[in-house]
């Protein structure tokens, strides 16, 4: 499934693709991609396979068709994009044969850092870690603290590999590791990289035969700089070594990514990225009050306030400008709408919010 139909913006010979499976990984700007897919699906009146009463497909359980809202045997959908633990056999049965599969990865050391801070309060074995810098203490002796069978332990070791449905505690030399990475490569048309987000979107646009308007975005679910630790070289190495499988996964797809960019054309990519950024900057000046994200307590509309991790207010959001032209009003609001609110707009009855889900899970534990 690796074939890509590359086309130019000016002379398209392909038909825009509308059947999409986005494997939403954790802490990889996937909420921003979800917003792009929600807008595209709404615009073209496509049929989403949404979770039944949650914003994820009962993660960290494996995906099952029965988790889809209003599912009946034989139903077919256009878009699957919410968090899940990937199960290809089940997903495949929901979508047309020519569906485009894509996903996104992030440098595993930085993903680990982000996951540690974001999910730490709901991972019980981290509660006994002492000291001011718990992340550094954990990485000093990870096996002293890590319990592979512990509740929510998957968030702190090879999280990407786990999200793809594989055993995140395999030995790095186990032949199944390379076999599973090869399987991912065979099933996904495009593996994007967070560190090259704009270049990734240009490749996605090309694979999907979309227009530039379809991939305009604002960064959503972004943490405040003050909550992001600056990993030293030593900590970075320790985090990479602790997440060895994810590091191998990332290195593999970093190589395939740049082969796709080369095939697309480096100069062409540079021009297209520049145009995407120019268009995003223009939309930012049209839509966003002050032109930048603000702390959660400074967001004026409740409908634009993003969900916050348990006990924190570290996720930033935006204020919508007051006097936006009729031409841009609807698009601006959609581009700034957080995931949970957008899901509600699309008809998903979220009787359990993320916050209550975490509290419930903690009580269960």
Protein backbone atom coordinates (compact mmCIF):
# COMPACT_ATOMS: atom_id res chain seq x y z
CA UNK A 1 0.00 0.00 0.00
CA UNK A 2 3.01 2.28 -0.28
CA UNK A 3 2.20 3.69 -3.71
CA UNK A 4 1.55 7.44 -3.88
CA UNK A 5 -0.05 9.34 -6.71
CA UNK A 6 1.92 12.57 -6.85
CA UNK A 7 0.29 15.44 -8.69
CA UNK A 8 0.83 19.14 -9.16
CA UNK A 9 -1.54 21.76 -7.75
CA UNK A 10 -2.00 23.35 -11.14
CA UNK A 11 -2.72 20.30 -13.26
CA UNK A 12 -4.45 17.59 -11.27
CA UNK A 13 -5.07 14.30 -13.02
CA UNK A 14 -6.35 12.52 -9.91
CA UNK A 15 -9.59 12.52 -7.96
CA UNK A 16 -9.59 13.76 -4.34
CA UNK A 17 -9.60 10.83 -1.94
CA UNK A 18 -12.39 10.68 0.63
CA UNK A 19 -11.82 7.31 2.32
CA UNK A 20 -9.37 7.79 5.15
CA UNK A 21 -7.92 5.87 8.08
CA UNK A 22 -5.84 8.12 10.32
CA UNK A 23 -4.05 6.19 13.05
CA UNK A 24 -4.08 8.83 15.81
CA UNK A 25 -0.98 8.41 17.96
CA UNK A 26 -0.46 10.12 21.32
CA UNK A 27 1.38 13.43 21.82
CA UNK A 28 2.17 13.90 18.11
CA UNK A 29 0.05 16.92 17.11
CA UNK A 30 -2.63 14.43 16.12
CA UNK A 31 -5.37 16.71 17.51
CA UNK A 32 -4.38 19.27 14.89
CA UNK A 33 -4.68 16.64 12.16
CA UNK A 34 -8.03 15.56 13.56
CA UNK A 35 -9.31 19.11 13.12
CA UNK A 36 -8.25 18.99 9.46
CA UNK A 37 -10.11 15.70 8.98
CA UNK A 38 -13.23 16.91 10.81
CA UNK A 39 -13.40 19.96 8.54
CA UNK A 40 -12.79 17.91 5.40
CA UNK A 41 -15.41 15.34 6.39
CA UNK A 42 -17.99 18.01 7.16
CA UNK A 43 -17.31 19.86 3.93
CA UNK A 44 -17.84 16.72 1.83
CA UNK A 45 -20.57 15.21 4.03
CA UNK A 46 -18.58 12.07 4.67
CA UNK A 47 -19.51 9.30 7.07
CA UNK A 48 -17.33 9.12 10.19
CA UNK A 49 -16.92 6.00 12.32
CA UNK A 50 -17.05 7.63 15.75
CA UNK A 51 -16.63 5.98 19.17
CA UNK A 52 -19.72 5.05 21.12
CA UNK A 53 -20.00 7.61 23.93
CA UNK A 54 -16.31 8.46 24.25
CA UNK A 55 -13.70 10.44 22.35
CA UNK A 56 -11.61 7.30 21.81
CA UNK A 57 -12.29 3.68 20.86
CA UNK A 58 -12.02 2.37 24.44
CA UNK A 59 -8.25 2.84 24.45
CA UNK A 60 -6.05 1.06 25.57
CA UNK A 61 -8.21 -1.90 24.53
CA UNK A 62 -7.72 -3.15 20.99
CA UNK A 63 -10.08 -1.61 18.46
CA UNK A 64 -13.24 -3.60 17.72
CA UNK A 65 -16.03 -2.70 15.28
CA UNK A 66 -18.58 -2.99 18.07
CA UNK A 67 -17.06 0.17 19.62
CA UNK A 68 -18.32 2.28 16.70
CA UNK A 69 -21.35 4.43 17.39
CA UNK A 70 -24.56 2.90 15.96
CA UNK A 71 -22.58 0.13 14.24
CA UNK A 72 -24.47 -2.63 12.48
CA UNK A 73 -22.84 -5.56 10.62
CA UNK A 74 -21.95 -4.70 7.05
CA UNK A 75 -21.78 -0.93 7.58
CA UNK A 76 -19.13 0.97 5.65
CA UNK A 77 -17.60 4.36 6.55
CA UNK A 78 -15.42 7.02 4.93
CA UNK A 79 -13.28 8.16 7.87
CA UNK A 80 -11.87 6.53 11.00
CA UNK A 81 -9.65 8.89 12.98
CA UNK A 82 -10.13 8.75 16.78
CA UNK A 83 -7.64 7.32 19.27
CA UNK A 84 -7.48 3.54 19.32
CA UNK A 85 -5.09 0.69 19.87
CA UNK A 86 -4.75 -0.30 16.24
CA UNK A 87 -6.29 -3.55 15.04
CA UNK A 88 -5.95 -3.70 11.27
CA UNK A 89 -8.27 -6.65 10.74
CA UNK A 90 -11.16 -4.89 12.49
CA UNK A 91 -10.52 -1.44 10.99
CA UNK A 92 -10.15 -2.88 7.50
CA UNK A 93 -13.68 -4.30 7.62
CA UNK A 94 -15.17 -0.81 8.12
CA UNK A 95 -13.59 0.89 5.11
CA UNK A 96 -13.45 0.60 1.30
CA UNK A 97 -10.56 -1.35 -0.20
CA UNK A 98 -8.84 1.75 -1.62
CA UNK A 99 -8.84 3.67 1.68
CA UNK A 100 -5.72 5.75 2.38
CA UNK A 101 -4.04 4.81 5.67
CA UNK A 102 -1.75 7.35 7.30
CA UNK A 103 -0.32 8.15 10.73
CA UNK A 104 2.24 10.39 12.45
CA UNK A 105 5.33 9.75 14.59
CA UNK A 106 7.41 11.91 16.90
CA UNK A 107 11.00 11.73 18.11
CA UNK A 108 10.59 9.11 20.88
CA UNK A 109 12.69 10.95 23.49
CA UNK A 110 10.53 14.06 23.26
CA UNK A 111 7.36 12.01 23.01
CA UNK A 112 8.35 10.22 26.23
CA UNK A 113 8.96 13.55 27.98
CA UNK A 114 5.59 14.88 26.87
CA UNK A 115 3.76 11.68 27.82
CA UNK A 116 5.46 11.55 31.23
CA UNK A 117 4.21 15.02 32.13
CA UNK A 118 0.81 14.74 30.45
CA UNK A 119 -0.20 11.32 31.80
CA UNK A 120 1.96 11.08 34.93
CA UNK A 121 -0.90 11.76 37.34
CA UNK A 122 -2.83 8.72 36.08
CA UNK A 123 0.11 6.28 36.17
CA UNK A 124 0.19 5.00 39.77
CA UNK A 125 3.73 3.61 39.76
CA UNK A 126 5.08 7.12 39.12
CA UNK A 127 3.57 8.43 42.35
CA UNK A 128 6.40 7.00 44.45
CA UNK A 129 9.09 8.83 42.47
CA UNK A 130 10.65 11.48 44.71
CA UNK A 131 12.55 14.67 43.95
CA UNK A 132 11.71 17.84 42.06
CA UNK A 133 12.54 16.47 38.62
CA UNK A 134 10.61 13.21 38.52
CA UNK A 135 11.41 12.59 34.86
CA UNK A 136 15.17 12.73 35.48
CA UNK A 137 14.79 10.48 38.52
CA UNK A 138 12.75 7.95 36.53
CA UNK A 139 15.32 7.85 33.71
CA UNK A 140 18.16 7.44 36.21
CA UNK A 141 16.80 3.98 37.15
CA UNK A 142 13.70 3.27 35.03
CA UNK A 143 13.52 -0.42 35.93
CA UNK A 144 13.35 0.50 39.60
CA UNK A 145 10.04 2.25 38.98
CA UNK A 146 8.57 0.76 35.83
CA UNK A 147 6.05 -2.04 36.18
CA UNK A 148 5.04 -3.45 32.76
CA UNK A 149 1.83 -4.83 34.26
CA UNK A 150 1.06 -1.61 36.13
CA UNK A 151 -2.04 0.44 35.40
CA UNK A 152 -1.45 2.79 32.41
CA UNK A 153 2.20 1.67 32.19
CA UNK A 154 2.04 1.73 28.38
CA UNK A 155 2.22 5.52 28.41
CA UNK A 156 5.84 5.40 29.60
CA UNK A 157 7.56 2.90 27.33
CA UNK A 158 7.48 2.61 23.53
CA UNK A 159 4.08 4.28 23.39
CA UNK A 160 4.07 4.47 19.59
CA UNK A 161 4.65 0.73 19.22
CA UNK A 162 1.88 0.09 21.74
CA UNK A 163 -0.55 2.35 19.85
CA UNK A 164 0.09 0.33 16.69
CA UNK A 165 -1.11 -2.74 18.57
CA UNK A 166 2.18 -4.42 19.43
CA UNK A 167 3.93 -5.51 22.63
CA UNK A 168 5.82 -2.44 23.82
CA UNK A 169 7.95 -4.51 26.22
CA UNK A 170 9.62 -6.72 23.59
CA UNK A 171 13.39 -7.04 23.60
CA UNK A 172 14.90 -4.83 20.91
CA UNK A 173 16.61 -7.88 19.37
CA UNK A 174 13.41 -9.88 19.11
CA UNK A 175 12.83 -10.52 15.36
CA UNK A 176 9.17 -9.58 15.83
CA UNK A 177 10.20 -5.93 16.24
CA UNK A 178 11.52 -5.61 12.67
CA UNK A 179 8.66 -7.74 11.38
CA UNK A 180 6.04 -5.45 12.95
CA UNK A 181 7.76 -2.30 11.64
CA UNK A 182 7.72 -3.82 8.15
CA UNK A 183 4.01 -4.59 8.54
CA UNK A 184 3.32 -0.95 9.44
CA UNK A 185 5.20 0.12 6.32
CA UNK A 186 3.11 -2.22 4.19
CA UNK A 187 -0.22 -1.04 5.60
CA UNK A 188 0.27 2.72 5.70
CA UNK A 189 0.55 4.89 2.59
CA UNK A 190 2.16 7.72 4.54
CA UNK A 191 3.89 8.01 7.90
CA UNK A 192 4.20 11.67 8.82
CA UNK A 193 6.78 13.18 11.21
CA UNK A 194 5.89 15.79 13.82
CA UNK A 195 9.31 17.42 13.47
CA UNK A 196 8.53 18.09 9.80
CA UNK A 197 4.84 18.75 10.20
CA UNK A 198 4.36 21.13 7.27
CA UNK A 199 6.34 18.92 4.90
CA UNK A 200 4.23 15.99 6.10
CA UNK A 201 1.01 17.85 5.35
CA UNK A 202 2.22 18.65 1.84
CA UNK A 203 2.87 14.95 1.27
CA UNK A 204 -0.57 14.15 2.68
CA UNK A 205 -2.19 16.69 0.38
CA UNK A 206 -0.43 15.05 -2.54
CA UNK A 207 -1.34 11.49 -1.60
CA UNK A 208 -4.98 12.55 -1.08
CA UNK A 209 -5.11 14.80 -4.16
CA UNK A 210 -6.45 17.60 -1.95
CA UNK A 211 -6.18 21.37 -2.23
CA UNK A 212 -4.06 23.59 0.00
CA UNK A 213 -7.24 24.91 1.64
CA UNK A 214 -7.90 21.40 2.95
CA UNK A 215 -4.73 21.32 5.08
CA UNK A 216 -4.72 24.82 6.61
CA UNK A 217 -4.38 24.58 10.38
CA UNK A 218 -3.71 26.15 13.77
CA UNK A 219 -1.76 24.21 16.38
CA UNK A 220 -4.21 22.65 18.85
CA UNK A 221 -3.67 21.00 22.25
CA UNK A 222 -0.33 22.79 22.73
CA UNK A 223 1.34 22.87 26.15
CA UNK A 224 2.67 26.06 27.70
CA UNK A 225 6.43 26.45 27.26
CA UNK A 226 6.75 26.77 31.02
CA UNK A 227 5.55 23.15 31.43
CA UNK A 228 7.95 21.70 28.87
CA UNK A 229 11.23 20.57 30.37
CA UNK A 230 14.39 21.15 28.37
CA UNK A 231 16.03 17.75 28.13
CA UNK A 232 19.81 17.71 28.37
CA UNK A 233 21.94 15.57 26.09
CA UNK A 234 22.28 12.94 28.81
CA UNK A 235 18.54 12.82 29.51
CA UNK A 236 17.81 12.70 25.79
CA UNK A 237 20.07 9.67 25.38
CA UNK A 238 18.49 7.93 28.35
CA UNK A 239 14.98 8.61 27.05
CA UNK A 240 15.93 7.30 23.60
CA UNK A 241 17.49 4.15 25.06
CA UNK A 242 14.50 3.53 27.31
CA UNK A 243 12.26 3.73 24.22
CA UNK A 244 14.50 1.68 21.93
CA UNK A 245 11.71 0.12 19.89
CA UNK A 246 10.09 3.47 19.21
CA UNK A 247 13.54 4.81 18.30
CA UNK A 248 13.98 2.03 15.75
CA UNK A 249 10.48 2.68 14.43
CA UNK A 250 11.18 6.40 14.12
CA UNK A 251 14.54 5.91 12.39
CA UNK A 252 12.98 3.55 9.86
CA UNK A 253 10.20 5.94 8.91
CA UNK A 254 12.46 8.98 9.02
CA UNK A 255 14.33 7.31 6.15
CA UNK A 256 11.17 6.48 4.17
CA UNK A 257 9.87 10.01 4.76
CA UNK A 258 12.84 11.69 3.11
CA UNK A 259 12.69 9.28 0.19
CA UNK A 260 9.13 10.50 -0.39
CA UNK A 261 10.26 14.13 -0.13
CA UNK A 262 13.03 13.44 -2.65
CA UNK A 263 10.52 11.88 -5.01
CA UNK A 264 8.22 14.86 -4.54
CA UNK A 265 11.11 17.26 -5.26
CA UNK A 266 13.05 19.25 -2.65
CA UNK A 267 12.61 22.61 -4.38
CA UNK A 268 8.94 21.96 -4.99
CA UNK A 269 8.52 20.98 -1.34
CA UNK A 270 10.24 24.15 -0.18
CA UNK A 271 7.93 26.30 -2.30
CA UNK A 272 4.80 24.48 -1.15
CA UNK A 273 5.75 24.63 2.53
CA UNK A 274 6.42 28.36 2.21
CA UNK A 275 2.98 28.84 0.63
CA UNK A 276 1.27 26.76 3.33
CA UNK A 277 2.92 28.83 6.06
CA UNK A 278 1.98 32.05 4.32
CA UNK A 279 -1.64 30.93 4.10
CA UNK A 280 -1.66 29.81 7.74
CA UNK A 281 -0.22 33.16 8.84
CA UNK A 282 -2.91 34.93 6.87
CA UNK A 283 -5.65 32.88 8.53
CA UNK A 284 -4.08 33.57 11.91
CA UNK A 285 -4.31 37.31 11.29
CA UNK A 286 -7.93 36.91 10.22
CA UNK A 287 -9.12 34.59 12.99
CA UNK A 288 -7.09 34.83 16.19
CA UNK A 289 -7.44 37.65 18.69
CA UNK A 290 -3.90 38.80 19.48
CA UNK A 291 -2.52 36.45 16.85
CA UNK A 292 -1.26 33.82 19.31
CA UNK A 293 -2.42 31.14 21.79
CA UNK A 294 -3.24 32.10 25.38
CA UNK A 295 -3.39 30.38 28.77
CA UNK A 296 -6.52 28.39 29.51
CA UNK A 297 -7.81 30.95 32.03
CA UNK A 298 -7.60 33.71 29.41
CA UNK A 299 -9.88 31.95 26.90
CA UNK A 300 -13.16 33.83 26.86
CA UNK A 301 -15.51 31.30 25.23
CA UNK A 302 -16.19 28.01 26.98
CA UNK A 303 -16.68 26.38 23.58
CA UNK A 304 -13.04 27.15 22.71
CA UNK A 305 -11.48 25.91 25.96
CA UNK A 306 -9.42 22.74 25.46
CA UNK A 307 -9.54 19.82 27.86
CA UNK A 308 -6.84 19.97 30.56
CA UNK A 309 -4.82 17.10 32.09
CA UNK A 310 -5.96 16.05 35.54
CA UNK A 311 -4.98 18.70 38.08
CA UNK A 312 -3.36 21.03 35.53
CA UNK A 313 -4.12 23.93 33.23
CA UNK A 314 -1.14 23.53 30.91
CA UNK A 315 -2.93 23.29 27.54
CA UNK A 316 -3.26 26.57 25.71
CA UNK A 317 -6.05 27.72 23.40
CA UNK A 318 -7.26 30.70 21.40
CA UNK A 319 -9.66 33.61 21.45
CA UNK A 320 -11.66 34.25 18.32
CA UNK A 321 -11.59 37.77 16.91
CA UNK A 322 -14.85 39.67 17.40
CA UNK A 323 -15.37 41.15 13.95
CA UNK A 324 -14.57 38.48 11.36
CA UNK A 325 -15.95 38.80 7.86
CA UNK A 326 -18.86 36.54 6.96
CA UNK A 327 -16.59 34.84 4.41
CA UNK A 328 -14.21 33.57 7.11
CA UNK A 329 -16.37 33.43 10.25
CA UNK A 330 -17.39 29.78 10.05
CA UNK A 331 -13.96 28.51 8.97
CA UNK A 332 -12.18 30.44 11.73
CA UNK A 333 -14.40 28.94 14.42
CA UNK A 334 -13.96 25.42 13.08
CA UNK A 335 -10.16 25.79 12.90
CA UNK A 336 -10.06 26.89 16.56
CA UNK A 337 -12.54 24.38 17.97
CA UNK A 338 -10.95 21.81 20.35
CA UNK A 339 -11.42 18.11 19.75
CA UNK A 340 -14.11 17.35 22.34
CA UNK A 341 -16.29 20.29 21.31
CA UNK A 342 -15.89 19.43 17.62
CA UNK A 343 -16.91 15.84 18.31
CA UNK A 344 -20.04 17.10 20.03
CA UNK A 345 -20.78 19.34 17.04
CA UNK A 346 -20.46 16.31 14.77
CA UNK A 347 -23.08 14.49 16.80
CA UNK A 348 -20.99 12.44 19.20
CA UNK A 349 -22.71 12.26 22.58
CA UNK A 350 -19.76 12.47 24.96
CA UNK A 351 -21.44 11.27 28.13
CA UNK A 352 -17.95 10.62 29.50
CA UNK A 353 -15.41 13.39 29.19
CA UNK A 354 -11.70 12.72 29.34
CA UNK A 355 -11.58 14.11 32.86
CA UNK A 356 -14.29 11.83 34.20
CA UNK A 357 -12.77 8.91 32.30
CA UNK A 358 -9.46 9.37 34.11
CA UNK A 359 -11.12 9.78 37.51
CA UNK A 360 -13.21 6.67 36.93
CA UNK A 361 -10.14 4.66 35.88
CA UNK A 362 -8.23 5.78 38.95
CA UNK A 363 -11.09 4.75 41.21
CA UNK A 364 -11.27 1.39 39.45
CA UNK A 365 -7.54 0.91 39.98
